[in-house]
Amino acid sequence: MIPLSTRMRPDRLEDFFGQAHFMYEGSLLYNAIKKKTFDSAIFFGPSGTGKTTLARIIAKEMDADFYELNATTAGIKELKEIIDKAKLKFFGLQKETTYVYIDEFHRWNKLQQDSLLAALEEGAIRFIGSTTENPYFAVNNAVLSRVRSVYEFHRLESADLFAMLEKTLSDTERGLGNRNIPYDKEALWMIADRASGDARVALDTLGFIAENLPEKGRISLELAGEAMQRQTAFYDKSEDKYNLLSALQKSIRGSDPDAAVHYLARLVEADADILMIGRRLMVIASEDIGMAFPHAISIVTSCVQASQMVGFPEAKIILSQAVLLLASCPKSNSAITAVMAATEDLKKRKIDDVPDHLKDSHYAGARSRGLGKGYKYPHDYGGYVKQQYLPDDLHREGTRYYHPTTNGKEGAFKAYLEGLRRKS
């Protein structure tokens, strides 16, 4: 039986879900595909986010020959055969370009990747490579320099996955529309939320439930939880997880590590995903700890990344370390209060221009306009020299946005800044 995710794979650009940061009607990529000017590209991102789907749609829109390889099973021999055929078409009477899509491209070694170079330079092929690894580390620079763009695919938003699931249940051609399966919206939201941004997981979970429903059965929250082998006891999309995240942050802010780790455990048991928890912890590291322990953001980011690498259940140990660190750190909210105060000024009043001596003076004619004139390079003065940095009106008023506390490491920054002011 063909998996539901395969059956529902869109074959038109208009039906493509997600990646709205680069794929929307009127975007450069959208127009390049519609105008048939699309060149070569690298698609980078997690599994199930639409890399292969978009590559196939592009090939269809281009009306070109399309070859699809997987780097785990194909090598130079298969690629050479395709390139030879492509050259015959390109340099022959047809003058047609061939599209080659290589999935898991990062698995090829340097020699294998370089086998593309000559055909790319000649224009005989257009290349689309997809990878789950950062292409700036996993793909040879020589290949990257011949590819017009690198598109980073993000995990799909829950709202996109929910819309995809609803469409599948109503689609009478490729989906489940002919079966008229009743469903609870909460069940679809749960599948969407817990698929971790992976359309393949979401659709195949729905397919598994649909194929094994009892006669006259309904897709319920309980069945969705059973299919994903996840608890539903705490699950309430609209409220519970946000209440738990709020309680976690307030417990950390209040320096109560016991309460903080309690709410972390509840979030994990409620099946909140690593990114949901991790994003909140990284915000807390700057909003509530900030300059009192500046290393907190680096440590927490490392913990979140490590948690993603190992996955649950071990990830909860690493997240626990991050939570306990944050709860046990000295606290300062000066980072958020400083930027909010500066933003408020920008919204409520007219601010003078950047002082001329701070403006860019690296282009021809800048000096003749007086830009950069009088700027003092602090390193020429031992690391600090008094000069004006704020716009004129804010400088005259002696505006201060950053008010350091004496908590933790921030006390040292406070003393340092006060020392500089006394010098001047």
Protein backbone atom coordinates (compact mmCIF):
# COMPACT_ATOMS: atom_id res chain seq x y z
CA MET A 1 0.00 0.00 0.00
CA ILE A 2 1.29 3.43 -0.93
CA PRO A 3 1.87 5.55 2.20
CA LEU A 4 -0.52 8.45 2.65
CA SER A 5 2.39 10.91 2.70
CA THR A 6 3.40 9.72 -0.79
CA ARG A 7 -0.14 9.88 -2.16
CA MET A 8 -0.63 13.41 -0.83
CA ARG A 9 2.68 14.77 -2.10
CA PRO A 10 1.69 17.96 -4.00
CA ASP A 11 2.65 18.26 -7.66
CA ARG A 12 1.69 21.94 -8.11
CA LEU A 13 3.43 24.96 -6.66
CA GLU A 14 0.07 26.31 -5.48
CA ASP A 15 -0.43 23.24 -3.25
CA PHE A 16 3.00 23.40 -1.60
CA PHE A 17 2.82 23.85 2.19
CA GLY A 18 5.23 25.77 4.39
CA GLN A 19 8.55 27.59 3.88
CA ALA A 20 6.77 30.93 3.62
CA HIS A 21 10.05 32.74 4.31
CA PHE A 22 11.10 32.06 0.71
CA MET A 23 8.14 30.39 -1.01
CA TYR A 24 5.10 32.58 -1.52
CA GLU A 25 3.34 33.99 -4.54
CA GLY A 26 5.52 36.76 -5.92
CA SER A 27 8.72 35.68 -4.12
CA LEU A 28 11.91 35.51 -6.16
CA LEU A 29 11.95 31.71 -6.02
CA TYR A 30 8.27 31.44 -6.92
CA ASN A 31 8.76 33.77 -9.89
CA ALA A 32 11.93 31.98 -11.01
CA ILE A 33 10.00 28.71 -11.15
CA LYS A 34 6.97 30.19 -12.91
CA LYS A 35 9.13 32.10 -15.41
CA LYS A 36 11.28 29.01 -15.98
CA THR A 37 14.46 30.87 -15.01
CA PHE A 38 15.26 28.66 -12.01
CA ASP A 39 18.91 27.67 -11.99
CA SER A 40 20.65 25.38 -9.46
CA ALA A 41 20.17 25.29 -5.69
CA ILE A 42 20.88 23.51 -2.44
CA PHE A 43 17.91 22.65 -0.23
CA PHE A 44 18.95 22.37 3.40
CA GLY A 45 16.76 21.34 6.32
CA PRO A 46 15.21 18.55 8.40
CA SER A 47 13.41 15.56 6.92
CA GLY A 48 9.75 15.90 5.98
CA THR A 49 9.87 19.63 5.26
CA GLY A 50 9.31 19.47 1.49
CA LYS A 51 12.78 19.40 -0.10
CA THR A 52 12.11 16.48 -2.44
CA THR A 53 8.56 17.65 -3.11
CA LEU A 54 9.69 21.11 -4.20
CA ALA A 55 12.45 19.65 -6.38
CA ARG A 56 9.89 17.51 -8.24
CA ILE A 57 7.51 20.43 -8.63
CA ILE A 58 10.32 22.55 -10.07
CA ALA A 59 11.20 19.86 -12.60
CA LYS A 60 7.57 19.61 -13.66
CA GLU A 61 7.25 23.40 -14.02
CA MET A 62 10.45 23.55 -16.07
CA ASP A 63 9.16 20.95 -18.57
CA ALA A 64 12.63 19.43 -18.44
CA ASP A 65 14.09 15.96 -18.09
CA PHE A 66 14.42 15.15 -14.41
CA TYR A 67 16.64 12.56 -12.77
CA GLU A 68 16.49 11.77 -9.08
CA LEU A 69 19.34 10.07 -7.25
CA ASN A 70 19.94 9.25 -3.61
CA ALA A 71 23.54 9.68 -2.51
CA THR A 72 23.25 6.66 -0.19
CA THR A 73 22.75 4.27 -3.11
CA ALA A 74 24.08 6.04 -6.23
CA GLY A 75 27.58 7.14 -7.14
CA ILE A 76 29.70 8.62 -9.94
CA LYS A 77 28.81 5.84 -12.39
CA GLU A 78 25.07 6.65 -12.29
CA LEU A 79 25.74 10.39 -12.40
CA LYS A 80 28.09 10.05 -15.41
CA GLU A 81 25.40 8.21 -17.37
CA ILE A 82 22.93 11.02 -16.69
CA ILE A 83 25.46 13.73 -17.58
CA ASP A 84 26.31 12.01 -20.87
CA LYS A 85 22.61 11.95 -21.83
CA ALA A 86 22.20 15.56 -20.70
CA LYS A 87 25.11 16.72 -22.86
CA LEU A 88 23.62 15.08 -25.94
CA LYS A 89 20.40 17.02 -25.37
CA PHE A 90 22.10 20.29 -24.44
CA PHE A 91 24.66 20.38 -27.24
CA GLY A 92 22.39 18.68 -29.78
CA LEU A 93 19.42 19.99 -31.69
CA GLN A 94 17.13 20.24 -28.65
CA LYS A 95 19.37 22.64 -26.66
CA GLU A 96 17.53 21.46 -23.53
CA THR A 97 18.82 21.48 -19.97
CA THR A 98 18.41 18.48 -17.68
CA TYR A 99 17.61 18.74 -13.96
CA VAL A 100 19.41 16.40 -11.57
CA TYR A 101 18.20 16.07 -8.00
CA ILE A 102 20.51 14.35 -5.51
CA ASP A 103 19.02 13.59 -2.11
CA GLU A 104 21.32 13.27 0.94
CA PHE A 105 24.00 15.05 -1.12
CA HIS A 106 26.22 15.52 1.94
CA ARG A 107 26.89 11.76 1.95
CA TRP A 108 29.00 12.05 -1.20
CA ASN A 109 32.72 12.58 -0.70
CA LYS A 110 34.71 15.42 -2.28
CA LEU A 111 35.59 13.45 -5.42
CA GLN A 112 31.96 12.46 -5.97
CA GLN A 113 30.68 16.00 -5.43
CA ASP A 114 33.32 17.45 -7.77
CA SER A 115 32.12 15.16 -10.58
CA LEU A 116 29.27 17.67 -11.06
CA LEU A 117 31.48 20.68 -11.69
CA ALA A 118 32.20 20.45 -15.43
CA ALA A 119 28.55 19.79 -16.35
CA LEU A 120 27.41 22.67 -14.13
CA GLU A 121 29.87 25.08 -15.73
CA GLU A 122 28.86 24.02 -19.23
CA GLY A 123 25.19 24.44 -18.39
CA ALA A 124 24.30 20.90 -19.49
CA ILE A 125 22.61 20.23 -16.18
CA ARG A 126 20.86 22.17 -13.47
CA PHE A 127 21.50 20.70 -10.05
CA ILE A 128 19.35 20.54 -6.92
CA GLY A 129 20.97 18.94 -3.91
CA SER A 130 19.17 18.31 -0.65
CA THR A 131 20.86 17.79 2.67
CA THR A 132 20.00 17.62 6.35
CA GLU A 133 23.53 18.85 7.17
CA ASN A 134 24.74 22.43 7.03
CA PRO A 135 25.85 22.78 3.38
CA TYR A 136 28.55 25.29 4.28
CA PHE A 137 30.31 22.44 6.07
CA ALA A 138 29.03 19.40 4.17
CA VAL A 139 29.21 20.61 0.54
CA ASN A 140 32.40 21.48 -1.30
CA ASN A 141 33.03 25.18 -1.83
CA ALA A 142 33.54 24.55 -5.55
CA VAL A 143 29.98 23.21 -5.80
CA LEU A 144 28.53 25.97 -3.62
CA SER A 145 30.13 28.65 -5.79
CA ARG A 146 28.36 27.26 -8.86
CA VAL A 147 24.95 27.06 -7.20
CA ARG A 148 22.86 30.21 -7.25
CA SER A 149 21.15 29.83 -3.86
CA VAL A 150 21.01 27.84 -0.65
CA TYR A 151 17.45 27.58 0.67
CA GLU A 152 17.04 26.64 4.32
CA PHE A 153 13.88 24.65 4.97
CA HIS A 154 12.35 25.07 8.41
CA ARG A 155 10.26 22.53 10.27
CA LEU A 156 6.65 23.03 9.28
CA GLU A 157 4.47 25.05 11.61
CA SER A 158 1.68 23.18 13.42
CA ALA A 159 -0.90 25.31 11.61
CA ASP A 160 0.48 24.19 8.23
CA LEU A 161 0.41 20.54 9.28
CA PHE A 162 -3.13 20.90 10.65
CA ALA A 163 -4.30 22.40 7.34
CA MET A 164 -2.55 19.59 5.49
CA LEU A 165 -4.30 16.94 7.61
CA GLU A 166 -7.72 18.54 7.14
CA LYS A 167 -7.15 18.74 3.40
CA THR A 168 -6.19 15.06 3.35
CA LEU A 169 -9.42 14.07 5.10
CA SER A 170 -11.47 15.98 2.51
CA ASP A 171 -9.44 15.15 -0.62
CA THR A 172 -11.46 12.64 -2.67
CA GLU A 173 -8.79 12.05 -5.33
CA ARG A 174 -5.65 11.20 -3.36
CA GLY A 175 -6.67 11.50 0.27
CA LEU A 176 -9.33 10.05 2.54
CA GLY A 177 -12.27 12.18 1.41
CA ASN A 178 -14.29 9.28 0.00
CA ARG A 179 -14.40 7.61 3.40
CA ASN A 180 -16.04 10.57 5.22
CA ILE A 181 -14.16 9.80 8.42
CA PRO A 182 -15.41 11.84 11.41
CA TYR A 183 -12.69 13.45 13.48
CA ASP A 184 -12.06 15.73 16.43
CA LYS A 185 -10.04 18.82 15.60
CA GLU A 186 -8.10 18.35 18.85
CA ALA A 187 -6.84 15.02 17.52
CA LEU A 188 -5.53 16.64 14.34
CA TRP A 189 -3.91 19.44 16.33
CA MET A 190 -2.21 16.87 18.53
CA ILE A 191 -0.80 15.03 15.51
CA ALA A 192 0.30 18.35 14.01
CA ASP A 193 1.93 19.55 17.22
CA ARG A 194 3.73 16.30 17.94
CA ALA A 195 5.00 15.55 14.45
CA SER A 196 7.92 17.93 15.17
CA GLY A 197 7.38 19.84 11.93
CA ASP A 198 7.65 16.67 9.78
CA ALA A 199 4.85 16.37 7.21
CA ARG A 200 5.70 12.73 6.50
CA VAL A 201 5.23 11.79 10.17
CA ALA A 202 1.96 13.72 10.43
CA LEU A 203 0.41 12.26 7.27
CA ASP A 204 1.54 8.69 7.86
CA THR A 205 0.23 8.85 11.43
CA LEU A 206 -3.14 9.95 10.08
CA GLY A 207 -3.00 7.15 7.52
CA PHE A 208 -2.22 4.57 10.20
CA ILE A 209 -5.19 5.70 12.31
CA ALA A 210 -7.55 5.76 9.32
CA GLU A 211 -6.57 2.28 8.14
CA ASN A 212 -7.12 0.79 11.59
CA LEU A 213 -10.24 2.60 12.74
CA PRO A 214 -13.05 0.37 13.98
CA GLU A 215 -16.24 0.42 11.91
CA LYS A 216 -17.97 3.80 12.30
CA GLY A 217 -14.98 4.91 14.35
CA ARG A 218 -13.90 8.50 14.91
CA ILE A 219 -10.40 10.00 14.95
CA SER A 220 -10.22 11.06 18.57
CA LEU A 221 -7.60 12.59 20.83
CA GLU A 222 -7.14 9.22 22.54
CA LEU A 223 -6.55 7.40 19.25
CA ALA A 224 -4.10 10.09 18.12
CA GLY A 225 -2.16 9.65 21.36
CA GLU A 226 -2.19 5.87 20.94
CA ALA A 227 -0.95 6.10 17.35
CA MET A 228 1.93 8.34 18.36
CA GLN A 229 2.54 6.38 21.58
CA ARG A 230 2.22 9.60 23.55
CA GLN A 231 0.23 10.60 26.59
CA THR A 232 -2.86 12.74 26.19
CA ALA A 233 -3.53 13.39 29.88
CA PHE A 234 -2.00 16.89 29.91
CA TYR A 235 -2.66 17.73 26.30
CA ASP A 236 -4.74 20.82 25.64
CA LYS A 237 -3.44 22.81 22.69
CA SER A 238 -4.97 26.08 23.75
CA GLU A 239 -3.92 26.21 27.37
CA ASP A 240 -1.95 23.54 29.24
CA LYS A 241 1.43 23.73 27.54
CA TYR A 242 1.49 27.52 27.72
CA ASN A 243 0.57 27.44 31.40
CA LEU A 244 3.40 24.99 32.04
CA LEU A 245 5.89 27.09 30.08
CA SER A 246 4.77 30.18 32.00
CA ALA A 247 5.17 28.37 35.32
CA LEU A 248 8.61 27.15 34.25
CA GLN A 249 9.82 30.65 33.41
CA LYS A 250 8.40 32.22 36.56
CA SER A 251 9.98 29.50 38.72
CA ILE A 252 13.37 30.08 37.07
CA ARG A 253 12.96 33.83 37.45
CA GLY A 254 12.15 33.26 41.12
CA SER A 255 15.33 31.16 41.60
CA ASP A 256 13.40 28.03 42.64
CA PRO A 257 15.22 25.11 40.95
CA ASP A 258 12.88 22.53 42.50
CA ALA A 259 9.74 24.10 41.07
CA ALA A 260 11.49 24.75 37.75
CA VAL A 261 12.55 21.14 37.27
CA HIS A 262 9.05 20.02 38.34
CA TYR A 263 7.47 22.00 35.50
CA LEU A 264 10.12 20.77 33.09
CA ALA A 265 9.19 17.19 33.99
CA ARG A 266 5.51 17.96 33.45
CA LEU A 267 6.25 19.48 30.05
CA VAL A 268 8.25 16.41 29.02
CA GLU A 269 5.54 14.04 30.27
CA ALA A 270 2.96 16.14 28.44
CA ASP A 271 5.12 15.54 25.35
CA ALA A 272 6.16 19.11 24.67
CA ASP A 273 8.88 18.86 22.04
CA ILE A 274 12.51 19.84 22.56
CA LEU A 275 12.27 22.97 20.42
CA MET A 276 9.23 24.27 22.30
CA ILE A 277 11.03 23.94 25.63
CA GLY A 278 14.41 24.98 24.20
CA ARG A 279 13.15 28.21 22.65
CA ARG A 280 11.69 29.30 25.99
CA LEU A 281 14.90 28.44 27.87
CA MET A 282 17.03 30.47 25.44
CA VAL A 283 14.75 33.48 25.89
CA ILE A 284 14.93 33.10 29.67
CA ALA A 285 18.73 33.00 29.49
CA SER A 286 18.76 36.57 28.14
CA GLU A 287 15.53 37.98 29.57
CA ASP A 288 15.91 36.87 33.18
CA ILE A 289 19.62 36.04 33.66
CA GLY A 290 21.29 38.19 31.03
CA MET A 291 24.30 40.15 32.14
CA ALA A 292 24.28 38.67 35.64
CA PHE A 293 25.72 35.50 34.07
CA PRO A 294 26.42 36.18 30.37
CA HIS A 295 27.57 32.60 29.70
CA ALA A 296 24.06 31.31 30.41
CA ILE A 297 22.86 31.83 26.82
CA SER A 298 25.84 29.90 25.39
CA ILE A 299 25.43 27.03 27.83
CA VAL A 300 21.67 26.80 27.35
CA THR A 301 21.98 26.94 23.56
CA SER A 302 24.49 24.10 23.72
CA CYS A 303 22.13 22.11 25.94
CA VAL A 304 19.23 22.61 23.52
CA GLN A 305 21.36 21.58 20.54
CA ALA A 306 22.66 18.53 22.41
CA SER A 307 19.08 17.60 23.34
CA GLN A 308 18.08 17.70 19.68
CA MET A 309 21.01 15.47 18.78
CA VAL A 310 20.27 12.74 21.34
CA GLY A 311 16.47 13.03 21.47
CA PHE A 312 14.18 11.81 24.22
CA PRO A 313 14.35 10.19 26.72
CA GLU A 314 17.99 11.23 27.37
CA ALA A 315 17.30 14.80 26.24
CA LYS A 316 15.39 15.50 29.45
CA ILE A 317 18.66 15.09 31.41
CA ILE A 318 20.35 17.78 29.32
CA LEU A 319 17.31 20.06 29.52
CA SER A 320 17.29 19.53 33.27
CA GLN A 321 20.87 20.77 33.44
CA ALA A 322 19.87 23.91 31.55
CA VAL A 323 16.85 24.52 33.78
CA LEU A 324 18.79 24.00 37.03
CA LEU A 325 21.56 26.31 35.82
CA LEU A 326 19.11 29.07 34.94
CA ALA A 327 17.19 28.75 38.19
CA SER A 328 20.39 28.80 40.25
CA CYS A 329 22.00 31.78 38.46
CA PRO A 330 21.97 35.37 39.70
CA LYS A 331 19.28 37.30 37.83
CA SER A 332 19.18 40.50 35.80
CA ASN A 333 16.53 41.75 33.38
CA SER A 334 18.67 44.67 32.18
CA ALA A 335 18.94 43.24 28.66
CA ILE A 336 15.20 43.39 28.07
CA THR A 337 14.60 46.66 29.91
CA ALA A 338 17.38 48.40 27.95
CA VAL A 339 16.16 47.42 24.50
CA MET A 340 12.50 48.00 25.39
CA ALA A 341 13.28 51.51 26.64
CA ALA A 342 15.22 52.30 23.46
CA THR A 343 12.39 50.92 21.33
CA GLU A 344 9.84 52.98 23.24
CA ASP A 345 11.79 56.16 22.53
CA LEU A 346 11.86 55.35 18.82
CA LYS A 347 8.10 54.87 18.80
CA LYS A 348 7.16 57.95 20.79
CA ARG A 349 9.55 60.70 19.73
CA LYS A 350 11.63 62.05 16.88
CA ILE A 351 15.27 61.12 17.33
CA ASP A 352 18.18 62.99 15.74
CA ASP A 353 20.29 61.37 13.03
CA VAL A 354 23.42 59.28 13.61
CA PRO A 355 26.30 61.70 14.41
CA ASP A 356 28.43 62.41 11.33
CA HIS A 357 31.65 61.10 12.90
CA LEU A 358 30.02 57.66 13.37
CA LYS A 359 28.71 57.35 9.80
CA ASP A 360 30.31 55.05 7.24
CA SER A 361 33.27 56.74 5.56
CA HIS A 362 34.61 53.83 3.50
CA TYR A 363 33.20 54.89 0.13
CA ALA A 364 34.40 57.53 -2.31
CA GLY A 365 33.15 60.99 -1.46
CA ALA A 366 32.23 60.25 2.15
CA ARG A 367 35.08 62.28 3.61
CA SER A 368 34.24 65.27 1.42
CA ARG A 369 30.77 65.22 3.01
CA GLY A 370 32.35 65.31 6.47
CA LEU A 371 31.38 61.74 7.28
CA GLY A 372 33.66 59.98 9.70
CA LYS A 373 35.59 63.18 10.38
CA GLY A 374 36.73 63.48 13.97
CA TYR A 375 36.06 59.83 14.87
CA LYS A 376 38.49 58.57 17.51
CA TYR A 377 39.49 54.90 17.24
CA PRO A 378 39.35 53.66 20.86
CA HIS A 379 42.14 51.11 20.39
CA ASP A 380 44.52 53.94 19.59
CA TYR A 381 43.83 55.28 23.08
CA GLY A 382 44.34 52.08 25.04
CA GLY A 383 40.81 50.75 24.52
CA TYR A 384 38.70 53.75 25.58
CA VAL A 385 38.39 57.40 24.65
CA LYS A 386 35.57 59.79 25.46
CA GLN A 387 33.41 60.75 22.48
CA GLN A 388 29.73 61.07 21.60
CA TYR A 389 27.90 57.97 20.34
CA LEU A 390 24.20 58.73 20.93
CA PRO A 391 22.27 61.02 18.56
CA ASP A 392 22.58 64.72 19.55
CA ASP A 393 19.30 65.11 21.41
CA LEU A 394 19.71 61.92 23.44
CA HIS A 395 23.31 62.84 24.20
CA ARG A 396 22.31 66.30 25.46
CA GLU A 397 19.73 64.72 27.73
CA GLY A 398 22.24 62.22 29.11
CA THR A 399 19.99 59.31 28.12
CA ARG A 400 20.74 55.94 29.69
CA TYR A 401 18.99 52.73 28.67
CA TYR A 402 21.26 50.22 30.33
CA HIS A 403 21.09 50.24 34.12
CA PRO A 404 23.36 47.41 35.30
CA THR A 405 22.57 45.62 38.54
CA THR A 406 25.13 44.46 41.08
CA ASN A 407 23.98 40.84 40.68
CA GLY A 408 26.52 38.20 39.71
CA LYS A 409 28.92 39.04 36.90
CA GLU A 410 26.96 42.20 36.08
CA GLY A 411 28.42 43.86 39.16
CA ALA A 412 31.83 43.79 37.46
CA PHE A 413 30.41 45.35 34.29
CA LYS A 414 28.71 48.03 36.38
CA ALA A 415 31.98 48.88 38.13
CA TYR A 416 33.87 48.96 34.82
CA LEU A 417 31.37 51.33 33.15
CA GLU A 418 31.24 53.61 36.18
CA GLY A 419 35.05 53.73 36.16
CA LEU A 420 35.06 54.83 32.52
CA ARG A 421 32.58 57.58 33.27
CA ARG A 422 34.70 58.86 36.16
CA LYS A 423 37.72 59.04 33.83
CA SER A 424 35.86 61.29 31.46
